Protein backbone atom coordinates (compact mmCIF):
# COMPACT_ATOMS: atom_id res chain seq x y z
CA MET A 1 -137.96 -15.83 -104.22
CA ARG A 2 -141.18 -14.34 -106.78
CA GLY A 3 -143.61 -12.16 -104.98
CA ARG A 4 -147.08 -14.13 -103.31
CA ALA A 5 -150.54 -13.32 -104.87
CA GLY A 6 -151.63 -11.09 -102.64
CA GLY A 7 -149.29 -11.09 -100.21
CA VAL A 8 -145.76 -9.87 -99.61
CA ASP A 9 -142.25 -10.57 -99.39
CA VAL A 10 -140.72 -7.74 -97.32
CA LEU A 11 -142.34 -5.47 -94.80
CA VAL A 12 -141.18 -2.17 -94.96
CA SER A 13 -142.08 0.94 -92.70
CA ALA A 14 -140.97 4.38 -91.92
CA GLY A 15 -143.33 6.93 -90.10
CA GLU A 16 -141.49 9.99 -90.82
CA PRO A 17 -140.76 12.08 -94.15
CA SER A 18 -136.67 11.71 -93.67
CA GLY A 19 -137.43 7.84 -92.99
CA ASP A 20 -139.36 7.47 -95.95
CA MET A 21 -136.63 8.95 -98.32
CA HIS A 22 -134.20 6.11 -96.82
CA ALA A 23 -136.60 3.47 -97.14
CA ALA A 24 -137.32 4.38 -100.85
CA GLU A 25 -133.71 3.85 -101.37
CA VAL A 26 -134.14 0.44 -99.74
CA VAL A 27 -137.34 -0.56 -101.59
CA ARG A 28 -135.06 0.04 -104.80
CA ALA A 29 -132.21 -1.32 -103.71
CA LEU A 30 -133.91 -4.73 -102.51
CA ARG A 31 -135.88 -4.88 -106.13
CA ARG A 32 -132.53 -4.55 -107.67
CA ARG A 33 -131.36 -7.46 -106.29
CA ALA A 34 -134.94 -9.27 -106.74
CA PRO A 35 -137.30 -7.58 -109.06
CA GLY A 36 -140.39 -9.97 -108.54
CA LEU A 37 -140.09 -9.13 -104.72
CA THR A 38 -143.29 -7.54 -103.65
CA VAL A 39 -142.88 -4.84 -100.82
CA ALA A 40 -145.57 -3.02 -98.55
CA GLY A 41 -146.00 -1.62 -95.11
CA LEU A 42 -146.00 1.68 -93.56
CA ALA A 43 -144.66 4.18 -96.72
CA GLY A 44 -144.50 7.43 -97.33
CA PRO A 45 -144.47 9.06 -101.13
CA ALA A 46 -141.20 8.32 -101.58
CA MET A 47 -141.75 4.29 -100.73
CA ARG A 48 -144.84 4.12 -102.81
CA ALA A 49 -142.70 5.70 -105.86
CA ALA A 50 -139.79 3.41 -105.12
CA GLY A 51 -142.62 0.23 -105.89
CA CYS A 52 -143.60 0.12 -102.07
CA ARG A 53 -147.59 -1.01 -101.29
CA ALA A 54 -149.06 1.39 -98.88
CA TRP A 55 -151.05 -0.69 -95.96
CA VAL A 56 -150.69 2.75 -94.22
CA THR A 57 -149.93 6.08 -95.33
CA GLN A 58 -147.29 7.87 -93.56
CA GLU A 59 -148.82 11.32 -93.90
CA GLN A 60 -151.01 10.00 -91.05
CA LEU A 61 -148.21 10.01 -88.70
CA ALA A 62 -147.03 13.44 -89.48
CA VAL A 63 -145.77 14.15 -85.39
CA MET A 64 -142.49 15.34 -84.10
CA GLY A 65 -141.37 16.06 -80.07
CA LEU A 66 -142.51 14.20 -76.75
CA VAL A 67 -146.11 15.88 -76.17
CA GLU A 68 -146.60 15.75 -79.47
CA VAL A 69 -146.12 11.82 -80.32
CA VAL A 70 -148.52 11.50 -77.23
CA ARG A 71 -151.43 13.58 -78.32
CA HIS A 72 -151.28 11.24 -81.35
CA LEU A 73 -151.09 7.99 -78.87
CA PRO A 74 -154.11 6.07 -80.25
CA ARG A 75 -154.03 6.67 -83.52
CA ILE A 76 -150.35 5.27 -83.88
CA HIS A 77 -150.88 2.68 -81.91
CA ALA A 78 -154.22 1.93 -84.24
CA VAL A 79 -151.54 2.06 -87.31
CA GLY A 80 -149.51 -0.89 -85.19
CA ARG A 81 -152.01 -2.81 -84.66
CA LEU A 82 -152.89 -2.84 -88.84
CA LEU A 83 -149.51 -3.85 -89.78
CA LEU A 84 -149.10 -6.38 -87.33
CA GLU A 85 -152.38 -7.95 -88.49
CA ARG A 86 -151.39 -7.82 -92.35
CA ALA A 87 -147.83 -9.17 -91.72
CA ALA A 88 -149.75 -11.96 -89.54
CA ALA A 89 -152.04 -12.53 -92.51
CA CYS A 90 -149.19 -12.25 -95.37
CA ARG A 91 -146.02 -13.90 -93.43
CA PRO A 92 -143.46 -11.68 -94.89
CA LYS A 93 -139.79 -13.21 -95.22
CA ALA A 94 -138.34 -10.29 -93.31
CA ALA A 95 -138.90 -6.52 -91.94
CA VAL A 96 -137.05 -3.50 -92.46
CA LEU A 97 -138.08 -1.18 -89.70
CA VAL A 98 -136.73 2.88 -90.70
CA ASP A 99 -135.73 5.44 -87.49
CA PHE A 100 -139.15 6.23 -85.67
CA SER A 101 -138.02 4.02 -82.98
CA SER A 102 -140.95 3.86 -79.93
CA PHE A 103 -143.21 2.81 -82.72
CA HIS A 104 -140.79 0.58 -84.28
CA ILE A 105 -139.36 -0.99 -80.92
CA ARG A 106 -142.71 -2.06 -80.51
CA LEU A 107 -143.67 -3.52 -83.43
CA GLY A 108 -140.14 -4.81 -83.85
CA ALA A 109 -141.06 -7.39 -80.89
CA ARG A 110 -143.97 -8.50 -82.46
CA LEU A 111 -142.79 -9.02 -85.51
CA ARG A 112 -140.18 -11.16 -84.31
CA ALA A 113 -143.08 -13.42 -82.31
CA LEU A 114 -144.95 -14.10 -85.50
CA GLY A 115 -141.63 -15.48 -86.54
CA ILE A 116 -140.10 -12.41 -88.68
CA PRO A 117 -136.14 -11.62 -88.66
CA VAL A 118 -136.84 -8.10 -88.33
CA VAL A 119 -133.73 -5.27 -89.51
CA HIS A 120 -133.64 -2.12 -87.76
CA TYR A 121 -132.37 0.37 -90.26
CA ILE A 122 -131.29 3.99 -88.50
CA ALA A 123 -131.00 3.21 -84.81
CA PRO A 124 -132.51 5.11 -82.12
CA LYS A 125 -129.93 7.49 -80.54
CA LEU A 126 -129.98 5.70 -77.05
CA TRP A 127 -126.45 6.77 -76.85
CA ALA A 128 -128.03 10.37 -76.42
CA TRP A 129 -130.77 9.37 -74.29
CA GLY A 130 -132.94 6.62 -73.64
CA ALA A 131 -130.18 3.83 -72.84
CA TRP A 132 -132.38 2.23 -69.97
CA ARG A 133 -134.56 1.04 -73.46
CA VAL A 134 -131.42 -0.86 -74.74
CA ARG A 135 -132.97 -4.39 -73.48
CA ARG A 136 -136.16 -3.40 -75.27
CA LEU A 137 -134.52 -2.96 -78.53
CA ALA A 138 -132.60 -6.20 -78.15
CA ARG A 139 -135.81 -8.23 -78.24
CA SER A 140 -137.28 -6.09 -81.71
CA GLN A 141 -134.72 -7.01 -83.93
CA ASP A 142 -132.22 -9.28 -85.10
CA LEU A 143 -129.99 -6.34 -86.78
CA LEU A 144 -128.92 -3.39 -86.19
CA ALA A 145 -127.99 -1.30 -89.39
CA ALA A 146 -125.98 1.67 -87.31
CA ILE A 147 -125.60 4.71 -89.59
CA PHE A 148 -123.04 6.26 -87.30
CA PRO A 149 -119.44 4.58 -87.20
CA PHE A 150 -119.16 4.58 -83.50
CA GLU A 151 -122.42 3.12 -83.07
CA GLU A 152 -121.47 -0.09 -84.01
CA GLU A 153 -119.24 -1.24 -80.68
CA TRP A 154 -121.15 1.17 -78.52
CA PHE A 155 -124.24 -1.35 -78.90
CA ALA A 156 -122.45 -4.34 -79.30
CA ARG A 157 -121.17 -3.33 -75.80
CA HIS A 158 -125.00 -3.77 -75.04
CA GLY A 159 -125.29 -6.81 -76.29
CA ILE A 160 -126.64 -5.77 -79.43
CA ARG A 161 -125.70 -7.11 -82.70
CA ALA A 162 -125.22 -4.13 -84.87
CA ARG A 163 -123.50 -3.46 -88.39
CA TYR A 164 -122.41 0.15 -89.45
CA VAL A 165 -123.72 0.43 -92.75
CA GLY A 166 -122.87 3.76 -94.05
CA ASN A 167 -124.98 6.62 -93.78
CA PRO A 168 -127.00 7.63 -96.31
CA VAL A 169 -126.47 10.98 -96.33
CA ALA A 170 -122.60 10.85 -96.39
CA SER A 171 -123.56 8.73 -99.35
CA ARG A 172 -124.48 11.22 -101.20
CA ALA A 173 -122.42 14.42 -100.60
CA ASP A 174 -119.96 14.42 -103.49
CA GLY A 175 -120.98 16.17 -106.39
CA GLY A 176 -123.00 19.41 -107.36
CA TRP A 177 -123.21 21.60 -109.96
CA SER A 178 -121.63 24.70 -110.29
CA ARG A 179 -122.06 27.94 -108.76
CA ALA A 180 -122.96 28.97 -112.41
CA GLU A 181 -125.13 26.45 -112.96
CA LEU A 182 -127.84 26.53 -109.79
CA CYS A 183 -128.05 30.31 -110.32
CA ARG A 184 -129.06 29.71 -113.82
CA ARG A 185 -131.39 26.60 -113.11
CA LEU A 186 -133.17 28.55 -109.88
CA GLY A 187 -133.31 32.20 -111.93
CA LEU A 188 -130.47 33.72 -109.17
CA ASP A 189 -127.54 36.67 -109.41
CA ARG A 190 -124.51 34.39 -109.21
CA ALA A 191 -122.43 37.46 -107.89
CA ARG A 192 -124.74 37.79 -105.05
CA ARG A 193 -124.82 36.07 -101.98
CA VAL A 194 -127.76 33.06 -101.39
CA LEU A 195 -128.94 32.37 -98.06
CA ALA A 196 -130.99 28.73 -97.68
CA LEU A 197 -133.95 28.83 -95.18
CA LEU A 198 -134.89 25.39 -93.69
CA PRO A 199 -138.32 25.86 -91.71
CA GLY A 200 -138.86 22.04 -91.22
CA SER A 201 -141.30 19.55 -92.84
CA ARG A 202 -143.67 18.39 -90.15
CA PRO A 203 -146.92 20.90 -89.12
CA SER A 204 -145.50 21.72 -85.81
CA GLU A 205 -142.20 22.47 -86.94
CA LEU A 206 -143.56 24.93 -89.43
CA ASP A 207 -146.40 26.56 -86.83
CA ARG A 208 -143.10 27.59 -84.60
CA HIS A 209 -140.59 28.09 -86.92
CA LEU A 210 -141.96 30.12 -90.11
CA PRO A 211 -142.59 33.51 -88.45
CA LEU A 212 -139.29 33.37 -86.74
CA LEU A 213 -137.48 32.85 -90.62
CA ALA A 214 -139.83 35.13 -92.17
CA THR A 215 -138.57 37.98 -89.64
CA VAL A 216 -134.87 36.65 -90.23
CA MET A 217 -135.13 37.02 -93.85
CA ALA A 218 -136.92 40.36 -93.43
CA ARG A 219 -134.22 41.98 -91.45
CA LEU A 220 -131.22 40.42 -93.11
CA ARG A 221 -132.91 41.69 -96.08
CA ALA A 222 -132.98 45.09 -94.90
CA GLU A 223 -129.64 45.31 -94.26
CA ASP A 224 -128.60 43.93 -97.84
CA PRO A 225 -130.98 44.11 -100.30
CA ALA A 226 -129.53 42.27 -102.94
CA LEU A 227 -129.54 38.97 -99.90
CA GLN A 228 -131.46 35.83 -102.03
CA VAL A 229 -133.04 33.57 -100.19
CA VAL A 230 -134.02 30.03 -101.02
CA VAL A 231 -136.41 27.88 -99.44
CA PRO A 232 -135.97 23.92 -100.20
CA GLN A 233 -139.46 22.47 -100.42
CA ALA A 234 -139.19 19.61 -97.92
CA PRO A 235 -141.06 16.08 -98.72
CA GLY A 236 -144.44 15.57 -98.86
CA LEU A 237 -144.80 20.00 -98.04
CA SER A 238 -147.21 21.64 -99.92
CA SER A 239 -145.38 24.83 -101.57
CA ALA A 240 -148.46 26.87 -99.90
CA ALA A 241 -146.84 25.93 -96.62
CA LEU A 242 -144.23 27.83 -97.86
CA ALA A 243 -146.18 31.27 -98.72
CA PRO A 244 -144.81 33.62 -95.83
CA LEU A 245 -141.36 33.38 -97.03
CA ARG A 246 -142.23 33.36 -100.93
CA ALA A 247 -144.02 36.37 -100.33
CA GLN A 248 -140.95 38.13 -98.90
CA GLY A 249 -139.10 36.66 -101.95
CA GLY A 250 -137.63 33.57 -101.25
CA VAL A 251 -137.37 31.20 -103.97
CA VAL A 252 -139.20 27.99 -103.10
CA VAL A 253 -137.18 25.04 -104.83
CA PRO A 254 -137.84 20.96 -104.64
CA ARG A 255 -136.21 19.50 -101.71
CA LEU A 256 -132.78 20.12 -100.39
CA GLN A 257 -130.20 18.37 -103.01
CA PRO A 258 -126.32 18.32 -102.57
CA GLU A 259 -125.87 20.06 -105.91
CA PHE A 260 -128.54 22.91 -104.07
CA ALA A 261 -126.65 22.90 -100.84
CA LEU A 262 -123.32 23.11 -102.00
CA ARG A 263 -123.52 26.19 -103.74
CA VAL A 264 -125.41 28.59 -101.18
CA ASP A 265 -123.22 30.91 -98.98
CA ALA A 266 -124.84 30.24 -95.46
CA ALA A 267 -128.30 28.38 -93.91
CA VAL A 268 -130.74 28.47 -91.46
CA ALA A 269 -132.56 25.10 -90.18
CA VAL A 270 -134.71 23.48 -88.30
CA SER A 271 -133.02 20.99 -86.05
CA GLY A 272 -133.23 17.80 -87.74
CA THR A 273 -132.00 15.42 -90.40
CA ALA A 274 -131.50 18.57 -92.54
CA THR A 275 -128.88 19.69 -90.22
CA LEU A 276 -126.43 16.66 -90.88
CA GLU A 277 -127.20 17.09 -94.49
CA LEU A 278 -125.87 20.47 -94.14
CA ALA A 279 -122.89 19.81 -92.79
CA LEU A 280 -121.68 17.25 -94.68
CA TRP A 281 -122.54 18.75 -97.71
CA GLY A 282 -120.14 22.33 -96.35
CA THR A 283 -122.93 24.21 -95.99
CA PRO A 284 -122.12 27.24 -93.13
CA THR A 285 -125.74 26.93 -91.26
CA VAL A 286 -127.12 27.94 -87.95
CA LEU A 287 -129.68 25.54 -86.33
CA VAL A 288 -132.64 26.74 -84.60
CA TYR A 289 -135.58 24.58 -82.59
CA ARG A 290 -138.32 25.68 -81.04
CA ALA A 291 -140.96 23.23 -79.32
CA ALA A 292 -143.82 22.49 -76.92
CA PRO A 293 -142.19 23.68 -73.46
CA THR A 294 -142.90 20.37 -72.05
CA THR A 295 -140.21 18.45 -75.20
CA ILE A 296 -137.94 21.07 -74.23
CA TRP A 297 -138.15 20.57 -70.15
CA LEU A 298 -138.22 17.07 -70.26
CA ALA A 299 -135.14 16.55 -72.98
CA ARG A 300 -132.97 18.93 -71.37
CA ARG A 301 -133.51 16.58 -68.57
CA LEU A 302 -133.01 12.96 -70.28
CA VAL A 303 -130.48 13.85 -72.97
CA GLY A 304 -126.97 13.67 -71.66
CA LEU A 305 -125.15 15.57 -74.30
CA ASN A 306 -124.31 19.56 -74.60
CA CYS A 307 -125.63 19.74 -78.17
CA VAL A 308 -128.57 18.68 -80.19
CA GLY A 309 -127.57 18.98 -83.59
CA LEU A 310 -126.08 15.18 -85.10
CA ALA A 311 -123.33 17.23 -86.43
CA ASN A 312 -122.12 19.04 -83.03
CA ILE A 313 -122.87 15.64 -81.22
CA LEU A 314 -120.60 13.63 -83.99
CA LEU A 315 -117.99 16.52 -83.99
CA ASP A 316 -117.14 15.41 -80.52
CA ASP A 317 -120.31 17.51 -78.73
CA GLN A 318 -118.86 20.67 -79.98
CA GLU A 319 -121.16 23.77 -81.07
CA ILE A 320 -119.52 24.05 -84.56
CA MET A 321 -122.84 24.93 -85.62
CA PRO A 322 -124.49 27.44 -83.61
CA GLU A 323 -127.58 26.18 -81.38
CA LEU A 324 -130.16 28.50 -80.57
CA ILE A 325 -132.84 26.66 -78.94
CA GLN A 326 -135.96 27.48 -77.44
CA GLU A 327 -136.18 30.87 -75.77
CA GLN A 328 -132.68 31.61 -77.57
CA ALA A 329 -134.13 31.35 -81.02
CA THR A 330 -135.15 34.86 -81.57
CA PRO A 331 -134.43 37.42 -84.51
CA ASP A 332 -131.79 39.02 -83.06
CA ARG A 333 -129.71 36.13 -82.18
CA VAL A 334 -130.40 34.48 -85.75
CA VAL A 335 -129.32 37.37 -87.51
CA ALA A 336 -126.19 37.68 -84.82
CA CYS A 337 -125.29 34.53 -85.64
CA VAL A 338 -125.53 34.33 -89.39
CA ARG A 339 -124.15 37.02 -90.62
CA PRO A 340 -120.77 36.09 -90.32
CA LEU A 341 -121.46 32.99 -92.39
CA LEU A 342 -123.05 35.48 -95.46
CA ALA A 343 -119.83 37.38 -94.87
CA GLY A 344 -117.84 33.98 -95.71
CA GLY A 345 -114.60 34.71 -93.42
CA GLU A 346 -113.39 33.01 -90.63
CA ALA A 347 -116.71 31.64 -89.11
CA ALA A 348 -117.83 30.24 -92.16
CA ALA A 349 -114.44 28.65 -92.87
CA ARG A 350 -113.70 27.28 -89.29
CA GLN A 351 -117.24 25.32 -89.93
CA ARG A 352 -116.35 24.03 -93.21
CA TRP A 353 -113.03 22.78 -91.76
CA HIS A 354 -114.83 20.58 -89.19
CA PHE A 355 -117.59 19.52 -91.50
CA ALA A 356 -114.86 18.48 -94.02
CA ARG A 357 -113.29 16.40 -91.31
CA LEU A 358 -116.78 14.92 -89.84
CA ARG A 359 -117.49 13.41 -93.97
CA ASP A 360 -114.05 11.65 -93.82
CA THR A 361 -115.09 10.01 -90.71
CA MET A 362 -118.66 8.84 -92.31
CA GLY A 363 -117.05 7.27 -95.87
CA SER A 364 -119.06 6.91 -98.69
CA ASP A 365 -120.67 3.27 -98.82
CA ASP A 366 -124.19 2.83 -99.90
CA PRO A 367 -126.04 1.95 -96.68
CA ALA A 368 -129.62 1.00 -98.80
CA GLN A 369 -127.75 -1.66 -100.59
CA ARG A 370 -125.95 -3.15 -97.40
CA VAL A 371 -129.23 -3.19 -95.42
CA ALA A 372 -130.84 -4.89 -98.62
CA ASP A 373 -128.04 -7.80 -98.37
CA ALA A 374 -128.65 -7.84 -94.86
CA VAL A 375 -132.69 -8.41 -95.52
CA ILE A 376 -131.94 -10.40 -98.47
CA SER A 377 -129.66 -12.75 -96.33
CA LEU A 378 -131.88 -12.84 -92.94
CA GLY A 379 -135.05 -13.40 -94.88
CA GLY A 380 -133.55 -16.31 -96.97
CA VAL A 381 -134.71 -14.69 -100.41
CA ASP A 382 -133.72 -16.94 -103.26
CA VAL A 383 -132.69 -13.73 -105.47
CA GLY A 384 -131.65 -16.19 -108.26
CA SER A 385 -135.52 -17.42 -108.23
CA ALA A 386 -136.78 -13.90 -108.29
CA ARG A 387 -135.05 -13.07 -111.38
């Protein structure tokens, strides 16, 4: 299939920074299989760099949490209408909707009404909360590309066609620099301990977590002046936003990478994809999360799990990675939890053992390629003619 003049062959949509990275991998996989293919949709910077035309830029939708989403509903609905108008005009062969479930469940149903096959990549966590949305999800997709092994069977029980395609984090979890190479590249002393601080990527996350992590950093360095602190800069986040941590001597580095994470001694991270990345890369971690009080109130009543961190949920819903949520996320408690991890003793070894077990269950398949193959099949893409 050749890219149509002024048209689009595949619609790809991702509404958050983590989804942008995963969607970009799918765009690259599609274009490897069909170099003439045209892709457009709701795109972040990584997707645009991979060759996706932006009908809407993802930066306009940087929200997280139930209350935060409600405040931005008019803008979110306007983006959905624009995507549908463009899809109706261009008639793409298929659509890939990545994460951002509330928005994409609604969009997917309307795309299917236009006769466009839909692949949902990264399933909404209905097994944790929101099982009442299963029927809506079933109407919004032709294939659910799941990233956790148990999801295939769970969704099948609820009448949804799902396929485990592998996990994008697990597929990148091998390799890495040596400790010496990490320190050389970042200008660190290989003999001194290294702590990573990950304050999140969205404005609301930074507002709530930067002061906390700055205080934690100051206290830990008061105890151990030789402690080195690195701060991964999330995609789409300006280095200026991390100034409070840099001002105390934190070394800001571009994006969290396996070669980086595998060689730090411990991390403190805001709940989200980064905590699963750290677990799969074997980094002892403390999870923190503060949100709008109403968001926490609703979540505690709707979520049928003990834990909030993905790694802990996947490890039989056990708190292997300490979770400090809302009022528990105080400097004193964070310091008390991270101190034994930095020491590298039993607490750190216990986390690493469980994280290795988690990696074994996830496998190392390339999920982006498997999603691309599913899109090509569902959309009837003629790969030969695209070449």
